[in-house]
Every structure is written in C-alpha cells, then in structure tokens.
PDB file of N, CA and C in Angstrom:
ATOM      1  N   MET A   1      14.866  53.684   0.748  1.00  0.00           N
ATOM      2  CA  MET A   1      15.505  54.375   1.168  1.00  0.00           C
ATOM      3  C   MET A   1      16.661  55.045  -0.161  1.00  0.00           C
ATOM      4  N   PRO A   2      16.833  56.238  -0.032  1.00  0.00           N
ATOM      5  CA  PRO A   2      17.030  56.691  -0.974  1.00  0.00           C
ATOM      6  C   PRO A   2      18.422  56.121  -2.135  1.00  0.00           C
ATOM      7  N   PHE A   3      19.034  55.266  -1.543  1.00  0.00           N
ATOM      8  CA  PHE A   3      20.878  55.182  -2.073  1.00  0.00           C
ATOM      9  C   PHE A   3      19.945  54.186  -2.792  1.00  0.00           C
ATOM     10  N   LEU A   4      18.623  53.217  -2.600  1.00  0.00           N
ATOM     11  CA  LEU A   4      18.185  52.370  -3.463  1.00  0.00           C
ATOM     12  C   LEU A   4      17.925  52.873  -4.779  1.00  0.00           C
ATOM     13  N   ALA A   5      17.085  54.765  -4.651  1.00  0.00           N
ATOM     14  CA  ALA A   5      16.556  55.011  -6.014  1.00  0.00           C
ATOM     15  C   ALA A   5      17.982  55.606  -6.890  1.00  0.00           C
ATOM     16  N   LEU A   6      19.114  55.994  -5.496  1.00  0.00           N
ATOM     17  CA  LEU A   6      20.476  55.830  -7.105  1.00  0.00           C
ATOM     18  C   LEU A   6      20.878  54.523  -7.979  1.00  0.00           C
ATOM     19  N   ALA A   7      21.066  53.329  -7.100  1.00  0.00           N
ATOM     20  CA  ALA A   7      21.194  52.261  -6.965  1.00  0.00           C
ATOM     21  C   ALA A   7      20.260  51.718  -8.526  1.00  0.00           C
ATOM     22  N   LYS A   8      19.203  51.675  -8.824  1.00  0.00           N
ATOM     23  CA  LYS A   8      18.474  51.367  -9.753  1.00  0.00           C
ATOM     24  C   LYS A   8      18.320  52.563 -10.657  1.00  0.00           C
ATOM     25  N   LYS A   9      18.407  53.764 -10.618  1.00  0.00           N
ATOM     26  CA  LYS A   9      19.316  54.276 -11.561  1.00  0.00           C
ATOM     27  C   LYS A   9      20.288  54.179 -12.543  1.00  0.00           C
ATOM     28  N   GLY A  10      21.421  53.637 -11.329  1.00  0.00           N
ATOM     29  CA  GLY A  10      22.532  53.056 -12.331  1.00  0.00           C
ATOM     30  C   GLY A  10      22.303  51.952 -12.722  1.00  0.00           C
ATOM     31  N   ARG A  11      21.602  50.785 -12.707  1.00  0.00           N
ATOM     32  CA  ARG A  11      20.942  49.884 -13.338  1.00  0.00           C
ATOM     33  C   ARG A  11      20.553  49.765 -14.453  1.00  0.00           C
ATOM     34  N   THR A  12      19.735  50.688 -14.895  1.00  0.00           N
ATOM     35  CA  THR A  12      18.673  51.445 -15.617  1.00  0.00           C
ATOM     36  C   THR A  12      19.810  51.893 -16.646  1.00  0.00           C
ATOM     37  N   ARG A  13      20.457  53.031 -16.482  1.00  0.00           N
ATOM     38  CA  ARG A  13      21.297  53.960 -17.369  1.00  0.00           C
ATOM     39  C   ARG A  13      22.768  52.739 -17.016  1.00  0.00           C
ATOM     40  N   LEU A  14      23.045  51.901 -16.662  1.00  0.00           N
ATOM     41  CA  LEU A  14      23.989  51.179 -17.670  1.00  0.00           C
ATOM     42  C   LEU A  14      23.881  50.020 -17.970  1.00  0.00           C
ATOM     43  N   ALA A  15      22.698  49.883 -17.838  1.00  0.00           N
ATOM     44  CA  ALA A  15      22.230  48.168 -18.142  1.00  0.00           C
ATOM     45  C   ALA A  15      23.023  47.204 -17.732  1.00  0.00           C
ATOM     46  N   LEU A  16      23.127  46.871 -16.121  1.00  0.00           N
ATOM     47  CA  LEU A  16      23.629  45.834 -15.193  1.00  0.00           C
ATOM     48  C   LEU A  16      22.361  45.842 -14.473  1.00  0.00           C
ATOM     49  N   PRO A  17      21.350  45.025 -14.831  1.00  0.00           N
ATOM     50  CA  PRO A  17      20.554  44.483 -14.155  1.00  0.00           C
ATOM     51  C   PRO A  17      21.389  43.755 -12.439  1.00  0.00           C
ATOM     52  N   ASP A  18      22.567  43.470 -12.455  1.00  0.00           N
ATOM     53  CA  ASP A  18      23.071  42.576 -10.919  1.00  0.00           C
ATOM     54  C   ASP A  18      23.933  43.944 -10.355  1.00  0.00           C
ATOM     55  N   GLY A  19      24.212  45.177 -11.243  1.00  0.00           N
ATOM     56  CA  GLY A  19      25.017  46.395 -10.396  1.00  0.00           C
ATOM     57  C   GLY A  19      24.693  46.414  -9.423  1.00  0.00           C
ATOM     58  N   LYS A  20      25.520  46.273  -8.513  1.00  0.00           N
ATOM     59  CA  LYS A  20      26.040  47.113  -7.266  1.00  0.00           C
ATOM     60  C   LYS A  20      26.144  48.528  -6.320  1.00  0.00           C
ATOM     61  N   LEU A  21      25.407  49.506  -6.180  1.00  0.00           N
ATOM     62  CA  LEU A  21      26.263  50.633  -5.437  1.00  0.00           C
ATOM     63  C   LEU A  21      26.910  50.384  -3.946  1.00  0.00           C
ATOM     64  N   GLU A  22      27.812  50.595  -4.171  1.00  0.00           N
ATOM     65  CA  GLU A  22      29.125  50.512  -3.119  1.00  0.00           C
ATOM     66  C   GLU A  22      29.559  51.932  -2.571  1.00  0.00           C
ATOM     67  N   GLY A  23      29.280  52.007  -1.178  1.00  0.00           N
ATOM     68  CA  GLY A  23      29.646  53.487  -0.265  1.00  0.00           C
ATOM     69  C   GLY A  23      29.394  53.062   0.808  1.00  0.00           C
ATOM     70  N   ILE A  24      29.957  54.038   1.756  1.00  0.00           N
ATOM     71  CA  ILE A  24      29.420  53.730   2.971  1.00  0.00           C
ATOM     72  C   ILE A  24      28.815  55.691   3.968  1.00  0.00           C
ATOM     73  N   ALA A  25      28.205  55.769   4.607  1.00  0.00           N
ATOM     74  CA  ALA A  25      27.874  56.724   5.176  1.00  0.00           C
ATOM     75  C   ALA A  25      27.405  56.705   6.261  1.00  0.00           C
ATOM     76  N   ALA A  26      27.785  58.461   7.167  1.00  0.00           N
ATOM     77  CA  ALA A  26      27.844  58.770   8.265  1.00  0.00           C
ATOM     78  C   ALA A  26      26.695  59.450   8.986  1.00  0.00           C
ATOM     79  N   VAL A  27      25.842  59.093   9.546  1.00  0.00           N
ATOM     80  CA  VAL A  27      25.192  60.450  10.256  1.00  0.00           C
ATOM     81  C   VAL A  27      25.641  61.030  10.883  1.00  0.00           C
ATOM     82  N   HIS A  28      26.010  62.457  10.565  1.00  0.00           N
ATOM     83  CA  HIS A  28      26.242  63.245  11.473  1.00  0.00           C
ATOM     84  C   HIS A  28      25.284  64.048  11.904  1.00  0.00           C
ATOM     85  N   THR A  29      25.204  64.284  13.639  1.00  0.00           N
ATOM     86  CA  THR A  29      23.869  65.913  13.899  1.00  0.00           C
ATOM     87  C   THR A  29      25.177  66.206  14.531  1.00  0.00           C
ATOM     88  N   PHE A  30      24.262  67.999  14.118  1.00  0.00           N
ATOM     89  CA  PHE A  30      24.761  69.252  15.262  1.00  0.00           C
ATOM     90  C   PHE A  30      23.851  69.995  15.696  1.00  0.00           C
ATOM     91  N   GLY A  31      24.562  70.412  16.573  1.00  0.00           N
ATOM     92  CA  GLY A  31      23.410  71.224  17.193  1.00  0.00           C
ATOM     93  C   GLY A  31      22.753  70.358  18.599  1.00  0.00           C
ATOM     94  N   ASP A  32      21.674  70.919  19.024  1.00  0.00           N
ATOM     95  CA  ASP A  32      20.962  70.501  20.164  1.00  0.00           C
ATOM     96  C   ASP A  32      19.346  70.542  19.531  1.00  0.00           C
ATOM     97  N   TYR A  33      18.580  70.314  20.457  1.00  0.00           N
ATOM     98  CA  TYR A  33      17.296  70.186  20.133  1.00  0.00           C
ATOM     99  C   TYR A  33      16.260  71.157  19.556  1.00  0.00           C
ATOM    100  N   LEU A  34      16.957  72.737  20.163  1.00  0.00           N
ATOM    101  CA  LEU A  34      16.568  73.872  18.829  1.00  0.00           C
ATOM    102  C   LEU A  34      17.180  73.808  17.810  1.00  0.00           C
ATOM    103  N   ILE A  35      18.296  73.745  17.532  1.00  0.00           N
ATOM    104  CA  ILE A  35      18.921  73.774  16.126  1.00  0.00           C
ATOM    105  C   ILE A  35      19.401  72.277  15.927  1.00  0.00           C
ATOM    106  N   PHE A  36      18.577  71.827  15.222  1.00  0.00           N
ATOM    107  CA  PHE A  36      19.172  70.183  15.389  1.00  0.00           C
ATOM    108  C   PHE A  36      18.872  70.018  13.615  1.00  0.00           C
ATOM    109  N   HIS A  37      20.509  69.650  13.138  1.00  0.00           N
ATOM    110  CA  HIS A  37      20.722  69.657  12.272  1.00  0.00           C
ATOM    111  C   HIS A  37      21.793  68.558  11.725  1.00  0.00           C
ATOM    112  N   PRO A  38      20.695  67.338  11.355  1.00  0.00           N
ATOM    113  CA  PRO A  38      21.035  65.998  10.965  1.00  0.00           C
ATOM    114  C   PRO A  38      21.190  66.247   9.329  1.00  0.00           C
ATOM    115  N   HIS A  39      22.607  65.331   9.126  1.00  0.00           N
ATOM    116  CA  HIS A  39      22.977  65.224   7.869  1.00  0.00           C
ATOM    117  C   HIS A  39      24.112  64.007   7.837  1.00  0.00           C
ATOM    118  N   LEU A  40      24.189  63.497   6.210  1.00  0.00           N
ATOM    119  CA  LEU A  40      25.251  62.432   6.207  1.00  0.00           C
ATOM    120  C   LEU A  40      26.251  63.221   5.485  1.00  0.00           C
ATOM    121  N   HIS A  41      27.470  62.208   5.805  1.00  0.00           N
ATOM    122  CA  HIS A  41      28.628  62.537   5.099  1.00  0.00           C
ATOM    123  C   HIS A  41      28.470  61.265   4.099  1.00  0.00           C
ATOM    124  N   VAL A  42      28.681  61.071   3.146  1.00  0.00           N
ATOM    125  CA  VAL A  42      28.687  59.930   2.339  1.00  0.00           C
ATOM    126  C   VAL A  42      29.622  59.825   1.307  1.00  0.00           C
ATOM    127  N   LEU A  43      30.632  58.608   0.957  1.00  0.00           N
ATOM    128  CA  LEU A  43      31.570  58.398   0.095  1.00  0.00           C
ATOM    129  C   LEU A  43      30.730  57.158  -0.642  1.00  0.00           C
ATOM    130  N   ALA A  44      30.979  57.173  -2.072  1.00  0.00           N
ATOM    131  CA  ALA A  44      30.341  56.597  -2.882  1.00  0.00           C
ATOM    132  C   ALA A  44      30.952  56.318  -4.066  1.00  0.00           C
ATOM    133  N   ALA A  45      31.007  55.173  -4.765  1.00  0.00           N
ATOM    134  CA  ALA A  45      31.562  55.196  -5.748  1.00  0.00           C
ATOM    135  C   ALA A  45      30.493  55.634  -7.340  1.00  0.00           C
ATOM    136  N   ASN A  46      31.061  56.355  -8.087  1.00  0.00           N
ATOM    137  CA  ASN A  46      30.726  56.973  -9.054  1.00  0.00           C
ATOM    138  C   ASN A  46      30.164  55.684 -10.494  1.00  0.00           C
ATOM    139  N   GLY A  47      29.458  54.601 -10.176  1.00  0.00           N
ATOM    140  CA  GLY A  47      29.122  53.875 -10.815  1.00  0.00           C
ATOM    141  C   GLY A  47      28.893  52.695 -10.427  1.00  0.00           C
ATOM    142  N   LEU A  48      28.621  51.485 -10.673  1.00  0.00           N
ATOM    143  CA  LEU A  48      27.883  50.335 -10.087  1.00  0.00           C
ATOM    144  C   LEU A  48      29.368  48.718 -10.736  1.00  0.00           C
ATOM    145  N   PHE A  49      29.198  48.657  -9.568  1.00  0.00           N
ATOM    146  CA  PHE A  49      30.174  47.355  -9.227  1.00  0.00           C
ATOM    147  C   PHE A  49      29.318  45.884  -9.955  1.00  0.00           C
ATOM    148  N   THR A  50      30.111  45.037 -10.843  1.00  0.00           N
ATOM    149  CA  THR A  50      29.432  43.704 -11.315  1.00  0.00           C
ATOM    150  C   THR A  50      29.800  42.557 -10.379  1.00  0.00           C
ATOM    151  N   PRO A  51      29.186  41.217 -10.336  1.00  0.00           N
ATOM    152  CA  PRO A  51      29.758  40.848  -9.151  1.00  0.00           C
ATOM    153  C   PRO A  51      30.815  40.541  -9.828  1.00  0.00           C
ATOM    154  N   ASP A  52      31.412  40.258 -10.743  1.00  0.00           N
ATOM    155  CA  ASP A  52      33.133  39.899 -10.632  1.00  0.00           C
ATOM    156  C   ASP A  52      33.602  40.947 -10.187  1.00  0.00           C
ATOM    157  N   GLY A  53      33.627  41.817  -9.667  1.00  0.00           N
ATOM    158  CA  GLY A  53      33.955  43.218  -9.263  1.00  0.00           C
ATOM    159  C   GLY A  53      34.528  44.052 -10.217  1.00  0.00           C
ATOM    160  N   HIS A  54      34.050  44.402 -11.597  1.00  0.00           N
ATOM    161  CA  HIS A  54      34.491  45.057 -11.855  1.00  0.00           C
ATOM    162  C   HIS A  54      33.625  46.300 -12.096  1.00  0.00           C
ATOM    163  N   LEU A  55      34.187  47.861 -11.828  1.00  0.00           N
ATOM    164  CA  LEU A  55      33.571  48.859 -11.931  1.00  0.00           C
ATOM    165  C   LEU A  55      32.911  49.719 -13.205  1.00  0.00           C
ATOM    166  N   HIS A  56      31.915  50.016 -13.138  1.00  0.00           N
ATOM    167  CA  HIS A  56      31.254  50.905 -14.632  1.00  0.00           C
ATOM    168  C   HIS A  56      30.847  52.118 -14.083  1.00  0.00           C
ATOM    169  N   CYS A  57      31.863  53.081 -14.536  1.00  0.00           N
ATOM    170  CA  CYS A  57      31.281  54.149 -14.042  1.00  0.00           C
ATOM    171  C   CYS A  57      30.234  54.738 -15.267  1.00  0.00           C
ATOM    172  N   MET A  58      29.491  55.375 -14.368  1.00  0.00           N
ATOM    173  CA  MET A  58      28.332  56.715 -14.988  1.00  0.00           C
ATOM    174  C   MET A  58      29.763  57.978 -15.419  1.00  0.00           C
ATOM    175  N   LEU A  59      28.202  58.287 -16.378  1.00  0.00           N
ATOM    176  CA  LEU A  59      29.209  59.762 -16.950  1.00  0.00           C
ATOM    177  C   LEU A  59      28.741  61.263 -16.303  1.00  0.00           C
ATOM    178  N   ALA A  60      29.278  61.730 -15.620  1.00  0.00           N
ATOM    179  CA  ALA A  60      29.646  63.094 -14.765  1.00  0.00           C
ATOM    180  C   ALA A  60      28.169  63.812 -14.829  1.00  0.00           C
ATOM    181  N   GLU A  61      27.331  63.974 -16.224  1.00  0.00           N
ATOM    182  CA  GLU A  61      25.755  64.455 -16.260  1.00  0.00           C
ATOM    183  C   GLU A  61      25.007  63.626 -16.398  1.00  0.00           C
ATOM    184  N   ASP A  62      25.234  62.485 -15.935  1.00  0.00           N
ATOM    185  CA  ASP A  62      24.395  61.129 -15.381  1.00  0.00           C
ATOM    186  C   ASP A  62      24.188  61.192 -13.993  1.00  0.00           C
ATOM    187  N   LEU A  63      25.057  61.677 -13.130  1.00  0.00           N
ATOM    188  CA  LEU A  63      24.999  61.710 -12.146  1.00  0.00           C
ATOM    189  C   LEU A  63      24.287  62.612 -11.328  1.00  0.00           C
ATOM    190  N   ASP A  64      23.612  63.992 -12.143  1.00  0.00           N
ATOM    191  CA  ASP A  64      23.614  64.913 -11.147  1.00  0.00           C
ATOM    192  C   ASP A  64      22.319  64.970 -11.150  1.00  0.00           C
ATOM    193  N   PRO A  65      21.367  64.490 -11.806  1.00  0.00           N
ATOM    194  CA  PRO A  65      19.711  64.404 -11.815  1.00  0.00           C
ATOM    195  C   PRO A  65      19.526  63.209 -10.512  1.00  0.00           C
ATOM    196  N   GLY A  66      20.318  61.845 -10.329  1.00  0.00           N
ATOM    197  CA  GLY A  66      20.367  60.835  -9.084  1.00  0.00           C
ATOM    198  C   GLY A  66      20.727  61.568  -8.335  1.00  0.00           C
ATOM    199  N   ILE A  67      21.905  62.334  -8.037  1.00  0.00           N
ATOM    200  CA  ILE A  67      22.020  63.421  -6.626  1.00  0.00           C
ATOM    201  C   ILE A  67      21.158  64.210  -6.411  1.00  0.00           C
ATOM    202  N   GLU A  68      20.727  64.684  -6.941  1.00  0.00           N
ATOM    203  CA  GLU A  68      19.430  65.988  -6.903  1.00  0.00           C
ATOM    204  C   GLU A  68      18.350  64.798  -6.137  1.00  0.00           C
ATOM    205  N   LEU A  69      18.161  63.567  -6.636  1.00  0.00           N
ATOM    206  CA  LEU A  69      16.745  62.476  -6.466  1.00  0.00           C
ATOM    207  C   LEU A  69      16.794  62.160  -5.083  1.00  0.00           C
ATOM    208  N   PHE A  70      18.658  61.866  -4.878  1.00  0.00           N
ATOM    209  CA  PHE A  70      19.283  61.339  -3.605  1.00  0.00           C
ATOM    210  C   PHE A  70      18.650  62.764  -2.045  1.00  0.00           C
ATOM    211  N   ARG A  71      18.455  63.601  -2.752  1.00  0.00           N
ATOM    212  CA  ARG A  71      19.107  65.037  -1.875  1.00  0.00           C
ATOM    213  C   ARG A  71      17.557  65.172  -1.415  1.00  0.00           C
ATOM    214  N   ARG A  72      16.530  65.444  -2.522  1.00  0.00           N
ATOM    215  CA  ARG A  72      14.410  65.455  -1.994  1.00  0.00           C
ATOM    216  C   ARG A  72      14.594  64.256  -1.317  1.00  0.00           C
ATOM    217  N   ARG A  73      14.833  62.803  -1.449  1.00  0.00           N
ATOM    218  CA  ARG A  73      14.201  61.323  -0.751  1.00  0.00           C
ATOM    219  C   ARG A  73      14.834  61.670   0.482  1.00  0.00           C
ATOM    220  N   GLN A  74      16.350  61.965   0.780  1.00  0.00           N
ATOM    221  CA  GLN A  74      16.666  61.747   1.824  1.00  0.00           C
ATOM    222  C   GLN A  74      16.152  63.052   3.173  1.00  0.00           C
ATOM    223  N   LYS A  75      15.799  64.295   2.540  1.00  0.00           N
ATOM    224  CA  LYS A  75      15.272  65.282   2.922  1.00  0.00           C
ATOM    225  C   LYS A  75      14.037  65.125   3.846  1.00  0.00           C
ATOM    226  N   ASN A  76      13.108  64.327   2.580  1.00  0.00           N
ATOM    227  CA  ASN A  76      11.826  63.672   2.885  1.00  0.00           C
ATOM    228  C   ASN A  76      12.094  62.556   3.815  1.00  0.00           C
ATOM    229  N   TYR A  77      12.795  62.113   4.148  1.00  0.00           N
ATOM    230  CA  TYR A  77      13.049  61.009   4.989  1.00  0.00           C
ATOM    231  C   TYR A  77      13.453  61.285   6.088  1.00  0.00           C
ATOM    232  N   TRP A  78      14.209  62.114   6.324  1.00  0.00           N
ATOM    233  CA  TRP A  78      14.565  62.743   7.546  1.00  0.00           C
ATOM    234  C   TRP A  78      13.249  63.579   8.368  1.00  0.00           C
ATOM    235  N   GLN A  79      12.699  64.658   7.747  1.00  0.00           N
ATOM    236  CA  GLN A  79      11.827  65.232   7.436  1.00  0.00           C
ATOM    237  C   GLN A  79      10.549  64.094   8.243  1.00  0.00           C
ATOM    238  N   SER A  80      10.345  63.052   7.692  1.00  0.00           N
ATOM    239  CA  SER A  80       8.832  62.269   7.948  1.00  0.00           C
ATOM    240  C   SER A  80       9.807  61.390   9.492  1.00  0.00           C
ATOM    241  N   GLY A  81      10.845  61.499   9.576  1.00  0.00           N
ATOM    242  CA  GLY A  81      11.268  60.796  10.819  1.00  0.00           C
ATOM    243  C   GLY A  81      10.985  61.492  12.028  1.00  0.00           C
ATOM    244  N   LEU A  82      11.563  62.776  11.724  1.00  0.00           N
ATOM    245  CA  LEU A  82      11.255  63.645  13.125  1.00  0.00           C
ATOM    246  C   LEU A  82      10.455  64.132  13.445  1.00  0.00           C
ATOM    247  N   GLU A  83       9.326  63.728  12.799  1.00  0.00           N
ATOM    248  CA  GLU A  83       8.179  64.657  13.051  1.00  0.00           C
ATOM    249  C   GLU A  83       7.613  64.069  14.538  1.00  0.00           C
ATOM    250  N   SER A  84       8.087  62.611  14.741  1.00  0.00           N
ATOM    251  CA  SER A  84       8.102  62.020  15.931  1.00  0.00           C
ATOM    252  C   SER A  84       8.327  62.490  17.046  1.00  0.00           C
ATOM    253  N   TYR A  85       9.893  62.973  17.174  1.00  0.00           N
ATOM    254  CA  TYR A  85      10.314  63.418  18.076  1.00  0.00           C
ATOM    255  C   TYR A  85       9.939  64.477  18.765  1.00  0.00           C
ATOM    256  N   VAL A  86       9.193  65.632  17.777  1.00  0.00           N
ATOM    257  CA  VAL A  86       8.750  66.618  18.349  1.00  0.00           C
ATOM    258  C   VAL A  86       7.404  67.171  18.608  1.00  0.00           C
ATOM    259  N   ARG A  87       7.782  67.512  20.158  1.00  0.00           N
ATOM    260  CA  ARG A  87       6.119  67.585  20.344  1.00  0.00           C
ATOM    261  C   ARG A  87       5.263  68.836  20.003  1.00  0.00           C
ATOM    262  N   VAL A  88       4.520  68.784  20.215  1.00  0.00           N
ATOM    263  CA  VAL A  88       4.160  70.507  20.022  1.00  0.00           C
ATOM    264  C   VAL A  88       2.716  70.344  21.246  1.00  0.00           C
ATOM    265  N   GLU A  89       3.060  71.789  22.065  1.00  0.00           N
ATOM    266  CA  GLU A  89       2.566  71.675  23.595  1.00  0.00           C
ATOM    267  C   GLU A  89       1.540  73.126  23.269  1.00  0.00           C
TER     268      GLU A  89
END
C-alpha cells in the first residue's frame, strides 16, 4: 500500500524506526462506469509520531518526493485493481 512507502521514507529520514504515520483517507468515486473517476481524499500528519505521542515533523522539501511516490504507487494500485472490473467484449 502506498502509505507504507511514506512511512518507510519518514522513518529513514527522521531516524525514527518506531515512528508511525497517522492519517485518515476516504475513497471518493465520481461518475459512472463509462467515466469512472476514483480518487482519495487524505488528511495526514506532516511527520511521524513516536510511541510516546510526540510528533516529529518533516521539512517541506522532504515531503515532495514522498508525495510524488505516493501518487505513482496509488495510481498503479488503482489501475491494477480496476483491470479485473473492466470487460473487453
């Protein structure tokens, strides 16, 4: 799952092997089968939480590559999952 890639990047960058990425996501579908447009709405912390509850923020320039990585992996995830729903006749 793409969230795991972001958590791994954060743990490495912040040197927090026990750090947790916290957030919430909702799948939003729009359209019908002809114009199917699934996407995510995500609210996530801009860093990792330690087991004692402290937030360690990542710098803004550290977030951009992770966000792009998330987008690519999420797109691949959707495309591979939707292939089973598309019928070719």
